[in-house]
Amino acid sequence: MTYDHGTIDSTLAAVAGDEPALIQDLRRAFMDGVTRAVEAMHMAQVGGEWREAALRLKGLAASVSALPLMTLAGQAAGLDAPDADLLERIGDHVARL
């Protein structure tokens, strides 16, 4: 299992420098965005809503070099309909961030 916590923090530190409070603020904003995207995926009724939320999640993951999450979100964005199993895998990964 891959954990992105260190990668995310390293990426945020590269942006924020030696400002722990700013890194925490950026991490919190990232996690808020991820949570909203995953919630939108849970609520998606049609493929377009699902893909839009998955692409949002993929972009967020890419912004902090969270490659495993970006890959899962990319797989989701390529689907024509919501996929409960893939969403569960995404949720499990997000829980480890």
N, C-alpha and C. Protein backbone atom coordinates (compact mmCIF):
# COMPACT_ATOMS: atom_id res chain seq x y z
N MET A 1 0.83 -1.18 0.00
CA MET A 1 0.00 0.00 0.00
C MET A 1 0.88 1.25 0.00
N THR A 2 0.47 2.21 -0.79
CA THR A 2 1.23 3.45 -0.88
C THR A 2 0.53 4.54 -0.08
N TYR A 3 1.29 5.28 0.67
CA TYR A 3 0.76 6.40 1.41
C TYR A 3 1.35 7.68 0.85
N ASP A 4 0.51 8.67 0.59
CA ASP A 4 0.96 9.91 -0.03
C ASP A 4 1.26 11.00 0.98
N HIS A 5 1.10 10.73 2.26
CA HIS A 5 1.24 11.78 3.27
C HIS A 5 2.57 12.52 3.12
N GLY A 6 3.67 11.80 3.01
CA GLY A 6 4.98 12.43 2.89
C GLY A 6 5.13 13.19 1.58
N THR A 7 4.63 12.61 0.49
CA THR A 7 4.71 13.27 -0.81
C THR A 7 3.91 14.56 -0.80
N ILE A 8 2.72 14.50 -0.26
CA ILE A 8 1.88 15.70 -0.20
C ILE A 8 2.57 16.78 0.62
N ASP A 9 3.06 16.42 1.79
CA ASP A 9 3.72 17.40 2.64
C ASP A 9 4.98 17.96 1.99
N SER A 10 5.73 17.12 1.28
CA SER A 10 6.93 17.60 0.58
C SER A 10 6.56 18.59 -0.52
N THR A 11 5.51 18.28 -1.25
CA THR A 11 5.07 19.18 -2.32
C THR A 11 4.60 20.50 -1.73
N LEU A 12 3.83 20.43 -0.66
CA LEU A 12 3.34 21.67 -0.03
C LEU A 12 4.49 22.47 0.56
N ALA A 13 5.49 21.79 1.12
CA ALA A 13 6.65 22.49 1.67
C ALA A 13 7.43 23.20 0.57
N ALA A 14 7.48 22.59 -0.61
CA ALA A 14 8.16 23.23 -1.73
C ALA A 14 7.47 24.53 -2.13
N VAL A 15 6.17 24.57 -1.95
CA VAL A 15 5.40 25.77 -2.28
C VAL A 15 5.46 26.79 -1.15
N ALA A 16 5.32 26.32 0.08
CA ALA A 16 5.17 27.21 1.23
C ALA A 16 6.49 27.53 1.93
N GLY A 17 7.52 26.77 1.61
CA GLY A 17 8.79 27.00 2.29
C GLY A 17 8.74 26.52 3.73
N ASP A 18 9.51 27.14 4.57
CA ASP A 18 9.61 26.73 5.97
C ASP A 18 8.55 27.45 6.80
N GLU A 19 7.30 27.21 6.45
CA GLU A 19 6.16 27.83 7.13
C GLU A 19 5.18 26.72 7.53
N PRO A 20 5.41 26.06 8.66
CA PRO A 20 4.56 24.94 9.06
C PRO A 20 3.07 25.29 9.11
N ALA A 21 2.74 26.47 9.57
CA ALA A 21 1.32 26.86 9.65
C ALA A 21 0.71 26.96 8.26
N LEU A 22 1.46 27.49 7.31
CA LEU A 22 0.98 27.61 5.94
C LEU A 22 0.84 26.23 5.31
N ILE A 23 1.80 25.35 5.57
CA ILE A 23 1.70 23.98 5.05
C ILE A 23 0.44 23.31 5.58
N GLN A 24 0.15 23.48 6.86
CA GLN A 24 -1.06 22.89 7.45
C GLN A 24 -2.32 23.49 6.82
N ASP A 25 -2.31 24.79 6.58
CA ASP A 25 -3.47 25.43 5.94
C ASP A 25 -3.68 24.89 4.53
N LEU A 26 -2.59 24.74 3.78
CA LEU A 26 -2.69 24.20 2.43
C LEU A 26 -3.15 22.75 2.43
N ARG A 27 -2.64 21.97 3.38
CA ARG A 27 -3.06 20.57 3.49
C ARG A 27 -4.54 20.47 3.83
N ARG A 28 -4.98 21.33 4.74
CA ARG A 28 -6.40 21.34 5.12
C ARG A 28 -7.26 21.72 3.91
N ALA A 29 -6.84 22.71 3.14
CA ALA A 29 -7.59 23.12 1.95
C ALA A 29 -7.63 21.98 0.93
N PHE A 30 -6.51 21.30 0.76
CA PHE A 30 -6.45 20.15 -0.15
C PHE A 30 -7.44 19.07 0.30
N MET A 31 -7.39 18.72 1.57
CA MET A 31 -8.27 17.67 2.08
C MET A 31 -9.74 18.07 2.01
N ASP A 32 -10.05 19.35 2.22
CA ASP A 32 -11.42 19.82 2.07
C ASP A 32 -11.89 19.62 0.63
N GLY A 33 -11.04 19.97 -0.32
CA GLY A 33 -11.38 19.80 -1.73
C GLY A 33 -11.56 18.34 -2.10
N VAL A 34 -10.68 17.49 -1.59
CA VAL A 34 -10.78 16.05 -1.85
C VAL A 34 -12.08 15.51 -1.27
N THR A 35 -12.40 15.92 -0.06
CA THR A 35 -13.64 15.46 0.58
C THR A 35 -14.86 15.87 -0.24
N ARG A 36 -14.88 17.11 -0.70
CA ARG A 36 -16.01 17.57 -1.52
C ARG A 36 -16.11 16.80 -2.83
N ALA A 37 -14.98 16.52 -3.47
CA ALA A 37 -15.00 15.77 -4.73
C ALA A 37 -15.51 14.34 -4.52
N VAL A 38 -15.04 13.69 -3.46
CA VAL A 38 -15.48 12.33 -3.17
C VAL A 38 -16.98 12.33 -2.82
N GLU A 39 -17.43 13.31 -2.07
CA GLU A 39 -18.86 13.40 -1.76
C GLU A 39 -19.67 13.58 -3.04
N ALA A 40 -19.17 14.40 -3.97
CA ALA A 40 -19.87 14.59 -5.25
C ALA A 40 -19.92 13.28 -6.03
N MET A 41 -18.87 12.49 -5.95
CA MET A 41 -18.88 11.20 -6.62
C MET A 41 -19.92 10.28 -5.99
N HIS A 42 -20.03 10.32 -4.67
CA HIS A 42 -21.05 9.51 -3.99
C HIS A 42 -22.45 9.92 -4.42
N MET A 43 -22.66 11.18 -4.64
CA MET A 43 -23.99 11.69 -4.98
C MET A 43 -24.30 11.63 -6.47
N ALA A 44 -23.31 11.35 -7.29
CA ALA A 44 -23.50 11.35 -8.75
C ALA A 44 -24.56 10.33 -9.17
N GLN A 45 -25.45 10.79 -9.99
CA GLN A 45 -26.52 9.93 -10.49
C GLN A 45 -26.26 9.50 -11.94
N VAL A 46 -25.51 10.29 -12.66
CA VAL A 46 -25.23 9.99 -14.06
C VAL A 46 -23.74 10.12 -14.33
N GLY A 47 -23.31 9.58 -15.47
CA GLY A 47 -21.91 9.56 -15.82
C GLY A 47 -21.25 10.92 -15.85
N GLY A 48 -21.96 11.94 -16.35
CA GLY A 48 -21.38 13.27 -16.44
C GLY A 48 -21.03 13.85 -15.08
N GLU A 49 -21.91 13.68 -14.12
CA GLU A 49 -21.64 14.16 -12.75
C GLU A 49 -20.46 13.40 -12.15
N TRP A 50 -20.44 12.10 -12.37
CA TRP A 50 -19.37 11.25 -11.87
C TRP A 50 -18.03 11.68 -12.46
N ARG A 51 -17.99 11.84 -13.79
CA ARG A 51 -16.74 12.22 -14.46
C ARG A 51 -16.26 13.58 -14.00
N GLU A 52 -17.16 14.55 -13.86
CA GLU A 52 -16.77 15.89 -13.42
C GLU A 52 -16.13 15.84 -12.03
N ALA A 53 -16.74 15.12 -11.12
CA ALA A 53 -16.18 15.01 -9.76
C ALA A 53 -14.86 14.25 -9.78
N ALA A 54 -14.77 13.21 -10.59
CA ALA A 54 -13.54 12.43 -10.68
C ALA A 54 -12.40 13.27 -11.27
N LEU A 55 -12.71 14.08 -12.27
CA LEU A 55 -11.69 14.96 -12.85
C LEU A 55 -11.24 16.02 -11.85
N ARG A 56 -12.17 16.52 -11.05
CA ARG A 56 -11.81 17.48 -10.01
C ARG A 56 -10.85 16.81 -9.01
N LEU A 57 -11.17 15.59 -8.62
CA LEU A 57 -10.32 14.84 -7.69
C LEU A 57 -8.95 14.57 -8.32
N LYS A 58 -8.94 14.21 -9.58
CA LYS A 58 -7.67 13.95 -10.27
C LYS A 58 -6.80 15.21 -10.29
N GLY A 59 -7.41 16.35 -10.56
CA GLY A 59 -6.65 17.60 -10.57
C GLY A 59 -6.09 17.95 -9.21
N LEU A 60 -6.90 17.76 -8.18
CA LEU A 60 -6.41 18.01 -6.82
C LEU A 60 -5.23 17.10 -6.50
N ALA A 61 -5.36 15.83 -6.82
CA ALA A 61 -4.29 14.88 -6.55
C ALA A 61 -3.02 15.26 -7.32
N ALA A 62 -3.18 15.66 -8.56
CA ALA A 62 -2.03 16.04 -9.38
C ALA A 62 -1.34 17.27 -8.80
N SER A 63 -2.10 18.17 -8.21
CA SER A 63 -1.53 19.41 -7.70
C SER A 63 -0.56 19.20 -6.54
N VAL A 64 -0.66 18.05 -5.88
CA VAL A 64 0.24 17.75 -4.76
C VAL A 64 1.03 16.46 -4.98
N SER A 65 1.07 16.00 -6.22
CA SER A 65 1.83 14.80 -6.59
C SER A 65 1.36 13.54 -5.87
N ALA A 66 0.07 13.44 -5.60
CA ALA A 66 -0.51 12.24 -4.99
C ALA A 66 -0.85 11.27 -6.12
N LEU A 67 0.18 10.63 -6.67
CA LEU A 67 0.03 9.84 -7.89
C LEU A 67 -0.94 8.67 -7.78
N PRO A 68 -0.92 7.88 -6.70
CA PRO A 68 -1.90 6.79 -6.63
C PRO A 68 -3.35 7.29 -6.64
N LEU A 69 -3.63 8.38 -5.94
CA LEU A 69 -4.97 8.94 -5.94
C LEU A 69 -5.30 9.50 -7.32
N MET A 70 -4.34 10.13 -7.95
CA MET A 70 -4.55 10.67 -9.29
C MET A 70 -4.89 9.53 -10.27
N THR A 71 -4.21 8.40 -10.14
CA THR A 71 -4.47 7.25 -11.00
C THR A 71 -5.88 6.71 -10.80
N LEU A 72 -6.28 6.54 -9.54
CA LEU A 72 -7.63 6.05 -9.26
C LEU A 72 -8.69 7.02 -9.78
N ALA A 73 -8.48 8.31 -9.57
CA ALA A 73 -9.44 9.31 -10.05
C ALA A 73 -9.49 9.31 -11.58
N GLY A 74 -8.34 9.11 -12.22
CA GLY A 74 -8.31 9.02 -13.68
C GLY A 74 -9.08 7.82 -14.18
N GLN A 75 -8.96 6.70 -13.49
CA GLN A 75 -9.74 5.51 -13.86
C GLN A 75 -11.23 5.81 -13.73
N ALA A 76 -11.61 6.49 -12.66
CA ALA A 76 -13.02 6.83 -12.44
C ALA A 76 -13.52 7.77 -13.54
N ALA A 77 -12.69 8.73 -13.92
CA ALA A 77 -13.10 9.70 -14.94
C ALA A 77 -13.31 9.05 -16.30
N GLY A 78 -12.69 7.91 -16.51
CA GLY A 78 -12.84 7.22 -17.78
C GLY A 78 -14.08 6.35 -17.88
N LEU A 79 -14.86 6.29 -16.83
CA LEU A 79 -16.05 5.45 -16.81
C LEU A 79 -17.29 6.23 -17.24
N ASP A 80 -18.25 5.51 -17.80
CA ASP A 80 -19.51 6.12 -18.25
C ASP A 80 -20.57 6.19 -17.15
N ALA A 81 -20.30 5.55 -16.02
CA ALA A 81 -21.28 5.52 -14.93
C ALA A 81 -20.54 5.37 -13.60
N PRO A 82 -21.18 5.77 -12.51
CA PRO A 82 -20.57 5.59 -11.20
C PRO A 82 -20.23 4.13 -10.94
N ASP A 83 -19.12 3.91 -10.24
CA ASP A 83 -18.64 2.56 -9.91
C ASP A 83 -18.40 2.49 -8.41
N ALA A 84 -19.26 1.77 -7.72
CA ALA A 84 -19.20 1.70 -6.25
C ALA A 84 -17.89 1.08 -5.76
N ASP A 85 -17.40 0.06 -6.44
CA ASP A 85 -16.15 -0.59 -6.00
C ASP A 85 -14.96 0.36 -6.13
N LEU A 86 -14.88 1.07 -7.24
CA LEU A 86 -13.79 2.02 -7.43
C LEU A 86 -13.91 3.17 -6.43
N LEU A 87 -15.11 3.61 -6.18
CA LEU A 87 -15.31 4.68 -5.20
C LEU A 87 -14.88 4.23 -3.81
N GLU A 88 -15.12 2.98 -3.48
CA GLU A 88 -14.67 2.46 -2.19
C GLU A 88 -13.13 2.45 -2.12
N ARG A 89 -12.48 2.06 -3.20
CA ARG A 89 -11.01 2.09 -3.23
C ARG A 89 -10.49 3.51 -3.08
N ILE A 90 -11.15 4.45 -3.73
CA ILE A 90 -10.76 5.87 -3.60
C ILE A 90 -10.94 6.31 -2.16
N GLY A 91 -12.07 5.97 -1.56
CA GLY A 91 -12.34 6.34 -0.18
C GLY A 91 -11.31 5.76 0.77
N ASP A 92 -10.93 4.51 0.54
CA ASP A 92 -9.90 3.88 1.38
C ASP A 92 -8.58 4.63 1.26
N HIS A 93 -8.24 5.00 0.05
CA HIS A 93 -6.98 5.73 -0.16
C HIS A 93 -7.02 7.10 0.50
N VAL A 94 -8.13 7.80 0.33
CA VAL A 94 -8.27 9.13 0.93
C VAL A 94 -8.15 9.05 2.45
N ALA A 95 -8.70 8.01 3.03
CA ALA A 95 -8.63 7.83 4.49
C ALA A 95 -7.20 7.70 4.98
N ARG A 96 -6.29 7.25 4.12
CA ARG A 96 -4.89 7.09 4.51
C ARG A 96 -4.06 8.34 4.27
N LEU A 97 -4.64 9.35 3.66
CA LEU A 97 -3.90 10.57 3.41
C LEU A 97 -3.71 11.32 4.71
